Each structure stands twice: as structure tokens, then as C-alpha cells.
Amino acid sequence: MKEKENIKEGLKMKGSISNKLAYTGAGIGLALYAIFGLLYGSLLGGVVGLNIVHALFGTSLAHAVVPRIIVALGMLTGVMVAGTIFVVGSASLGWVIGFLIEPATWSRKESLKEHNIKH
């Protein structure tokens, strides 16, 4: 009985391998975002902003403020979406890898009887 409690307690620890790898994955994702995500996020967001301006006003107006604001908001949205994808995606991948290699999950062999599942 104590063995089960130790296993369950081990999975809830803050210093588990899955949590450490999630933080490591988030750090790697942040570095990749700084290298790749900023440039491409602003580029793609700017293209989306230009397409919106073209759809609303017909042509890009050289000295108008509203089209520039729309393009800037598109660029900002592109950068934020790229950052979210890079950081959350790599942190999730790190957590999954950590969960799969964590020794506490290997020793958990629960049968159907323990879950009261009838087959």
C-alpha cells in the first residue's frame, strides 16, 4: 500500500523529470522563437495586414494612418502567434518526453480490478 502512495506522491512532485523537461523545452522554444519566429511572424503578419488593407481600401494609401495601424496590428498578431506556437509547442513536447521516460511511470502497473472496470 505504501508503494502505491509513494508512486502517486512521486508523480505530483514539483521536481519531476516531466516538469524539468517542460521548462527546458520552453527555454529551447523561446530561443528558437528568438532566432526564427520573430522575423517570420512579423513577415507573415504584415502580409496578412496588407491583404486586409487591400480588401478594405482597394489600394495601399501612402500617407494614411489607419492602413499603417492595421498592418502594424497584423505584424504584432503574427509575432504573438508565432511565440505562442514555439513556446507552448516545445514545452508540451518536453513534458511528454519527460513523462514517457520518467521511472515512476514505468513501475505503475494497474490492473482492471483496481479501477473497478468490468470486462
N, C-alpha and C. Protein backbone atom coordinates (compact mmCIF):
# COMPACT_ATOMS: atom_id res chain seq x y z
N MET A 1 0.82 -1.19 0.00
CA MET A 1 0.00 0.00 0.00
C MET A 1 0.87 1.26 0.00
N LYS A 2 1.95 1.24 0.78
CA LYS A 2 2.82 2.40 0.83
C LYS A 2 3.50 2.63 -0.51
N GLU A 3 3.74 1.54 -1.22
CA GLU A 3 4.40 1.66 -2.51
C GLU A 3 3.54 2.47 -3.48
N LYS A 4 2.21 2.23 -3.44
CA LYS A 4 1.31 2.99 -4.31
C LYS A 4 1.29 4.46 -3.92
N GLU A 5 1.30 4.74 -2.64
CA GLU A 5 1.30 6.14 -2.20
C GLU A 5 2.58 6.84 -2.62
N ASN A 6 3.71 6.15 -2.54
CA ASN A 6 4.97 6.75 -2.96
C ASN A 6 4.98 7.02 -4.45
N ILE A 7 4.40 6.13 -5.23
CA ILE A 7 4.34 6.34 -6.67
C ILE A 7 3.45 7.53 -6.98
N LYS A 8 2.28 7.59 -6.35
CA LYS A 8 1.38 8.72 -6.60
C LYS A 8 2.00 10.01 -6.12
N GLU A 9 2.70 9.98 -5.01
CA GLU A 9 3.36 11.16 -4.49
C GLU A 9 4.50 11.58 -5.41
N GLY A 10 5.19 10.60 -5.96
CA GLY A 10 6.30 10.88 -6.86
C GLY A 10 5.84 11.56 -8.14
N LEU A 11 4.63 11.26 -8.60
CA LEU A 11 4.11 11.89 -9.81
C LEU A 11 3.69 13.33 -9.56
N LYS A 12 3.39 13.68 -8.32
CA LYS A 12 2.94 15.02 -8.00
C LYS A 12 4.09 15.95 -7.61
N MET A 13 5.30 15.44 -7.57
CA MET A 13 6.43 16.26 -7.14
C MET A 13 6.70 17.37 -8.15
N LYS A 14 7.15 18.52 -7.61
CA LYS A 14 7.47 19.63 -8.48
C LYS A 14 8.74 19.38 -9.26
N GLY A 15 9.63 18.61 -8.72
CA GLY A 15 10.90 18.36 -9.36
C GLY A 15 10.91 17.12 -10.22
N SER A 16 9.77 16.73 -10.75
CA SER A 16 9.73 15.53 -11.56
C SER A 16 10.43 15.77 -12.90
N ILE A 17 10.79 14.69 -13.53
CA ILE A 17 11.52 14.79 -14.79
C ILE A 17 10.66 15.47 -15.85
N SER A 18 9.37 15.17 -15.87
CA SER A 18 8.50 15.76 -16.89
C SER A 18 8.41 17.28 -16.73
N ASN A 19 8.34 17.77 -15.50
CA ASN A 19 8.30 19.22 -15.30
C ASN A 19 9.62 19.87 -15.68
N LYS A 20 10.73 19.23 -15.33
CA LYS A 20 12.03 19.79 -15.69
C LYS A 20 12.20 19.86 -17.20
N LEU A 21 11.77 18.80 -17.89
CA LEU A 21 11.89 18.81 -19.34
C LEU A 21 10.89 19.77 -19.99
N ALA A 22 9.77 20.02 -19.34
CA ALA A 22 8.83 21.02 -19.86
C ALA A 22 9.45 22.40 -19.79
N TYR A 23 10.11 22.72 -18.68
CA TYR A 23 10.79 24.02 -18.58
C TYR A 23 11.96 24.12 -19.55
N THR A 24 12.67 23.03 -19.73
CA THR A 24 13.77 23.02 -20.69
C THR A 24 13.23 23.20 -22.11
N GLY A 25 12.15 22.52 -22.42
CA GLY A 25 11.52 22.67 -23.73
C GLY A 25 11.03 24.08 -23.97
N ALA A 26 10.48 24.71 -22.94
CA ALA A 26 10.03 26.10 -23.08
C ALA A 26 11.21 27.03 -23.34
N GLY A 27 12.32 26.78 -22.67
CA GLY A 27 13.52 27.59 -22.90
C GLY A 27 14.06 27.41 -24.31
N ILE A 28 14.08 26.17 -24.78
CA ILE A 28 14.53 25.91 -26.15
C ILE A 28 13.57 26.55 -27.15
N GLY A 29 12.27 26.46 -26.88
CA GLY A 29 11.28 27.08 -27.75
C GLY A 29 11.42 28.59 -27.79
N LEU A 30 11.76 29.19 -26.65
CA LEU A 30 11.97 30.64 -26.61
C LEU A 30 13.18 31.04 -27.43
N ALA A 31 14.25 30.23 -27.35
CA ALA A 31 15.45 30.52 -28.14
C ALA A 31 15.15 30.35 -29.64
N LEU A 32 14.43 29.30 -30.00
CA LEU A 32 14.06 29.11 -31.41
C LEU A 32 13.15 30.22 -31.91
N TYR A 33 12.28 30.68 -31.03
CA TYR A 33 11.39 31.80 -31.38
C TYR A 33 12.20 33.07 -31.63
N ALA A 34 13.21 33.30 -30.80
CA ALA A 34 14.04 34.49 -30.99
C ALA A 34 14.81 34.42 -32.29
N ILE A 35 15.23 33.21 -32.68
CA ILE A 35 16.00 33.06 -33.91
C ILE A 35 15.10 33.07 -35.15
N PHE A 36 14.03 32.29 -35.13
CA PHE A 36 13.21 32.11 -36.32
C PHE A 36 11.85 32.80 -36.26
N GLY A 37 11.22 32.79 -35.11
CA GLY A 37 9.83 33.21 -35.01
C GLY A 37 9.58 34.69 -35.17
N LEU A 38 10.47 35.52 -34.68
CA LEU A 38 10.24 36.96 -34.76
C LEU A 38 10.19 37.45 -36.20
N LEU A 39 11.16 37.05 -36.99
CA LEU A 39 11.22 37.51 -38.37
C LEU A 39 10.05 37.00 -39.19
N TYR A 40 9.83 35.68 -39.15
CA TYR A 40 8.77 35.11 -39.96
C TYR A 40 7.38 35.46 -39.44
N GLY A 41 7.25 35.60 -38.14
CA GLY A 41 5.95 36.01 -37.58
C GLY A 41 5.58 37.41 -38.02
N SER A 42 6.54 38.33 -37.98
CA SER A 42 6.23 39.69 -38.41
C SER A 42 6.03 39.76 -39.91
N LEU A 43 6.77 38.95 -40.67
CA LEU A 43 6.61 38.93 -42.12
C LEU A 43 5.22 38.44 -42.51
N LEU A 44 4.83 37.29 -41.97
CA LEU A 44 3.52 36.74 -42.32
C LEU A 44 2.38 37.61 -41.79
N GLY A 45 2.54 38.14 -40.58
CA GLY A 45 1.52 39.04 -40.05
C GLY A 45 1.40 40.32 -40.85
N GLY A 46 2.53 40.83 -41.34
CA GLY A 46 2.49 42.02 -42.19
C GLY A 46 1.80 41.75 -43.51
N VAL A 47 2.02 40.57 -44.07
CA VAL A 47 1.34 40.21 -45.33
C VAL A 47 -0.17 40.11 -45.10
N VAL A 48 -0.56 39.53 -43.98
CA VAL A 48 -1.99 39.45 -43.67
C VAL A 48 -2.56 40.85 -43.49
N GLY A 49 -1.82 41.72 -42.80
CA GLY A 49 -2.27 43.11 -42.63
C GLY A 49 -2.40 43.84 -43.96
N LEU A 50 -1.44 43.62 -44.87
CA LEU A 50 -1.53 44.25 -46.19
C LEU A 50 -2.72 43.72 -46.98
N ASN A 51 -3.00 42.43 -46.85
CA ASN A 51 -4.18 41.88 -47.53
C ASN A 51 -5.47 42.47 -46.98
N ILE A 52 -5.53 42.69 -45.68
CA ILE A 52 -6.72 43.31 -45.08
C ILE A 52 -6.86 44.75 -45.56
N VAL A 53 -5.75 45.49 -45.60
CA VAL A 53 -5.79 46.88 -46.08
C VAL A 53 -6.23 46.92 -47.54
N HIS A 54 -5.70 46.01 -48.34
CA HIS A 54 -6.08 45.97 -49.75
C HIS A 54 -7.56 45.64 -49.91
N ALA A 55 -8.09 44.75 -49.07
CA ALA A 55 -9.50 44.39 -49.15
C ALA A 55 -10.41 45.54 -48.70
N LEU A 56 -9.96 46.31 -47.72
CA LEU A 56 -10.80 47.39 -47.19
C LEU A 56 -10.72 48.66 -48.03
N PHE A 57 -9.51 49.04 -48.43
CA PHE A 57 -9.31 50.33 -49.08
C PHE A 57 -9.03 50.23 -50.57
N GLY A 58 -8.81 49.07 -51.09
CA GLY A 58 -8.57 48.90 -52.52
C GLY A 58 -7.10 49.00 -52.89
N THR A 59 -6.44 50.04 -52.47
CA THR A 59 -5.00 50.20 -52.71
C THR A 59 -4.36 50.62 -51.40
N SER A 60 -3.08 50.42 -51.31
CA SER A 60 -2.40 50.86 -50.08
C SER A 60 -2.20 52.37 -50.15
N LEU A 61 -2.70 53.06 -49.18
CA LEU A 61 -2.62 54.51 -49.13
C LEU A 61 -1.29 54.90 -48.49
N ALA A 62 -0.55 55.76 -49.14
CA ALA A 62 0.82 56.06 -48.71
C ALA A 62 0.87 56.82 -47.39
N HIS A 63 0.00 57.80 -47.21
CA HIS A 63 0.13 58.65 -46.03
C HIS A 63 -1.02 58.50 -45.03
N ALA A 64 -1.82 57.51 -45.20
CA ALA A 64 -2.96 57.33 -44.29
C ALA A 64 -2.49 56.58 -43.03
N VAL A 65 -3.10 56.91 -41.93
CA VAL A 65 -2.72 56.33 -40.65
C VAL A 65 -3.40 54.98 -40.40
N VAL A 66 -4.66 54.86 -40.78
CA VAL A 66 -5.42 53.66 -40.49
C VAL A 66 -4.82 52.42 -41.16
N PRO A 67 -4.43 52.47 -42.43
CA PRO A 67 -3.80 51.28 -43.02
C PRO A 67 -2.49 50.89 -42.33
N ARG A 68 -1.73 51.85 -41.91
CA ARG A 68 -0.48 51.54 -41.20
C ARG A 68 -0.76 50.89 -39.86
N ILE A 69 -1.80 51.34 -39.18
CA ILE A 69 -2.17 50.73 -37.91
C ILE A 69 -2.63 49.29 -38.13
N ILE A 70 -3.38 49.05 -39.20
CA ILE A 70 -3.86 47.70 -39.50
C ILE A 70 -2.68 46.78 -39.80
N VAL A 71 -1.70 47.26 -40.57
CA VAL A 71 -0.53 46.45 -40.88
C VAL A 71 0.28 46.18 -39.61
N ALA A 72 0.42 47.19 -38.76
CA ALA A 72 1.17 47.02 -37.51
C ALA A 72 0.47 46.00 -36.59
N LEU A 73 -0.84 46.06 -36.52
CA LEU A 73 -1.58 45.08 -35.71
C LEU A 73 -1.45 43.67 -36.28
N GLY A 74 -1.42 43.57 -37.60
CA GLY A 74 -1.20 42.27 -38.23
C GLY A 74 0.18 41.72 -37.90
N MET A 75 1.20 42.57 -37.94
CA MET A 75 2.56 42.14 -37.60
C MET A 75 2.64 41.73 -36.14
N LEU A 76 2.03 42.51 -35.26
CA LEU A 76 2.05 42.17 -33.83
C LEU A 76 1.32 40.86 -33.56
N THR A 77 0.21 40.65 -34.24
CA THR A 77 -0.52 39.39 -34.08
C THR A 77 0.31 38.21 -34.58
N GLY A 78 0.99 38.40 -35.70
CA GLY A 78 1.84 37.33 -36.23
C GLY A 78 2.97 36.97 -35.29
N VAL A 79 3.58 37.98 -34.68
CA VAL A 79 4.67 37.73 -33.73
C VAL A 79 4.15 37.01 -32.48
N MET A 80 2.98 37.42 -31.98
CA MET A 80 2.42 36.78 -30.79
C MET A 80 2.01 35.33 -31.06
N VAL A 81 1.42 35.07 -32.21
CA VAL A 81 1.01 33.71 -32.55
C VAL A 81 2.24 32.82 -32.72
N ALA A 82 3.27 33.34 -33.38
CA ALA A 82 4.50 32.55 -33.55
C ALA A 82 5.13 32.24 -32.20
N GLY A 83 5.17 33.21 -31.30
CA GLY A 83 5.72 32.96 -29.97
C GLY A 83 4.94 31.94 -29.20
N THR A 84 3.64 32.01 -29.27
CA THR A 84 2.79 31.04 -28.58
C THR A 84 3.02 29.64 -29.12
N ILE A 85 3.08 29.52 -30.43
CA ILE A 85 3.28 28.20 -31.03
C ILE A 85 4.63 27.63 -30.65
N PHE A 86 5.69 28.43 -30.74
CA PHE A 86 7.03 27.93 -30.43
C PHE A 86 7.15 27.52 -28.96
N VAL A 87 6.75 28.39 -28.06
CA VAL A 87 6.98 28.13 -26.63
C VAL A 87 6.04 27.04 -26.10
N VAL A 88 4.76 27.13 -26.39
CA VAL A 88 3.82 26.14 -25.88
C VAL A 88 4.06 24.77 -26.53
N GLY A 89 4.34 24.78 -27.82
CA GLY A 89 4.60 23.52 -28.51
C GLY A 89 5.83 22.80 -27.99
N SER A 90 6.92 23.52 -27.80
CA SER A 90 8.13 22.87 -27.32
C SER A 90 8.03 22.49 -25.84
N ALA A 91 7.31 23.28 -25.05
CA ALA A 91 7.12 22.90 -23.65
C ALA A 91 6.26 21.65 -23.54
N SER A 92 5.23 21.55 -24.37
CA SER A 92 4.38 20.35 -24.36
C SER A 92 5.16 19.13 -24.81
N LEU A 93 5.97 19.30 -25.84
CA LEU A 93 6.79 18.19 -26.32
C LEU A 93 7.78 17.75 -25.25
N GLY A 94 8.40 18.70 -24.55
CA GLY A 94 9.32 18.35 -23.46
C GLY A 94 8.61 17.63 -22.33
N TRP A 95 7.40 18.06 -22.00
CA TRP A 95 6.65 17.41 -20.92
C TRP A 95 6.29 15.98 -21.30
N VAL A 96 5.88 15.77 -22.54
CA VAL A 96 5.51 14.43 -22.98
C VAL A 96 6.73 13.51 -22.97
N ILE A 97 7.85 13.99 -23.45
CA ILE A 97 9.07 13.18 -23.43
C ILE A 97 9.48 12.87 -21.99
N GLY A 98 9.40 13.85 -21.11
CA GLY A 98 9.72 13.62 -19.71
C GLY A 98 8.77 12.64 -19.04
N PHE A 99 7.51 12.71 -19.40
CA PHE A 99 6.53 11.78 -18.84
C PHE A 99 6.80 10.36 -19.30
N LEU A 100 7.23 10.22 -20.55
CA LEU A 100 7.50 8.88 -21.08
C LEU A 100 8.76 8.25 -20.50
N ILE A 101 9.75 9.07 -20.16
CA ILE A 101 11.00 8.50 -19.65
C ILE A 101 11.09 8.52 -18.13
N GLU A 102 10.07 9.01 -17.47
CA GLU A 102 10.10 9.09 -16.01
C GLU A 102 9.98 7.70 -15.39
N PRO A 103 10.90 7.32 -14.50
CA PRO A 103 10.87 5.98 -13.92
C PRO A 103 9.62 5.69 -13.10
N ALA A 104 9.01 6.69 -12.52
CA ALA A 104 7.82 6.45 -11.69
C ALA A 104 6.65 5.94 -12.53
N THR A 105 6.61 6.28 -13.80
CA THR A 105 5.52 5.79 -14.65
C THR A 105 5.77 4.37 -15.13
N TRP A 106 7.00 3.92 -15.12
CA TRP A 106 7.30 2.56 -15.57
C TRP A 106 6.79 1.52 -14.59
N SER A 107 6.87 1.81 -13.31
CA SER A 107 6.52 0.82 -12.30
C SER A 107 5.02 0.78 -12.02
N ARG A 108 4.27 1.65 -12.62
CA ARG A 108 2.82 1.66 -12.39
C ARG A 108 2.15 0.64 -13.28
N LYS A 109 1.77 -0.45 -12.68
CA LYS A 109 1.04 -1.48 -13.40
C LYS A 109 -0.29 -1.67 -12.69
N GLU A 110 -1.28 -0.99 -13.20
CA GLU A 110 -2.59 -1.09 -12.58
C GLU A 110 -3.44 -2.04 -13.40
N SER A 111 -4.13 -2.89 -12.71
CA SER A 111 -4.99 -3.84 -13.42
C SER A 111 -6.39 -3.26 -13.54
N LEU A 112 -7.20 -3.97 -14.28
CA LEU A 112 -8.58 -3.54 -14.43
C LEU A 112 -9.36 -3.66 -13.11
N LYS A 113 -8.94 -4.58 -12.25
CA LYS A 113 -9.62 -4.74 -10.97
C LYS A 113 -9.42 -3.52 -10.07
N GLU A 114 -8.26 -2.89 -10.15
CA GLU A 114 -8.00 -1.72 -9.31
C GLU A 114 -8.88 -0.54 -9.71
N HIS A 115 -9.25 -0.47 -10.96
CA HIS A 115 -10.11 0.61 -11.42
C HIS A 115 -11.59 0.24 -11.40
N ASN A 116 -11.90 -0.94 -10.96
CA ASN A 116 -13.26 -1.45 -10.90
C ASN A 116 -13.92 -1.44 -12.30
N ILE A 117 -13.15 -1.83 -13.27
CA ILE A 117 -13.66 -1.92 -14.64
C ILE A 117 -13.99 -3.37 -14.93
N LYS A 118 -15.18 -3.60 -15.37
CA LYS A 118 -15.58 -4.96 -15.70
C LYS A 118 -15.41 -5.17 -17.19
N HIS A 119 -14.90 -6.31 -17.52
CA HIS A 119 -14.70 -6.62 -18.94
C HIS A 119 -15.44 -7.87 -19.33
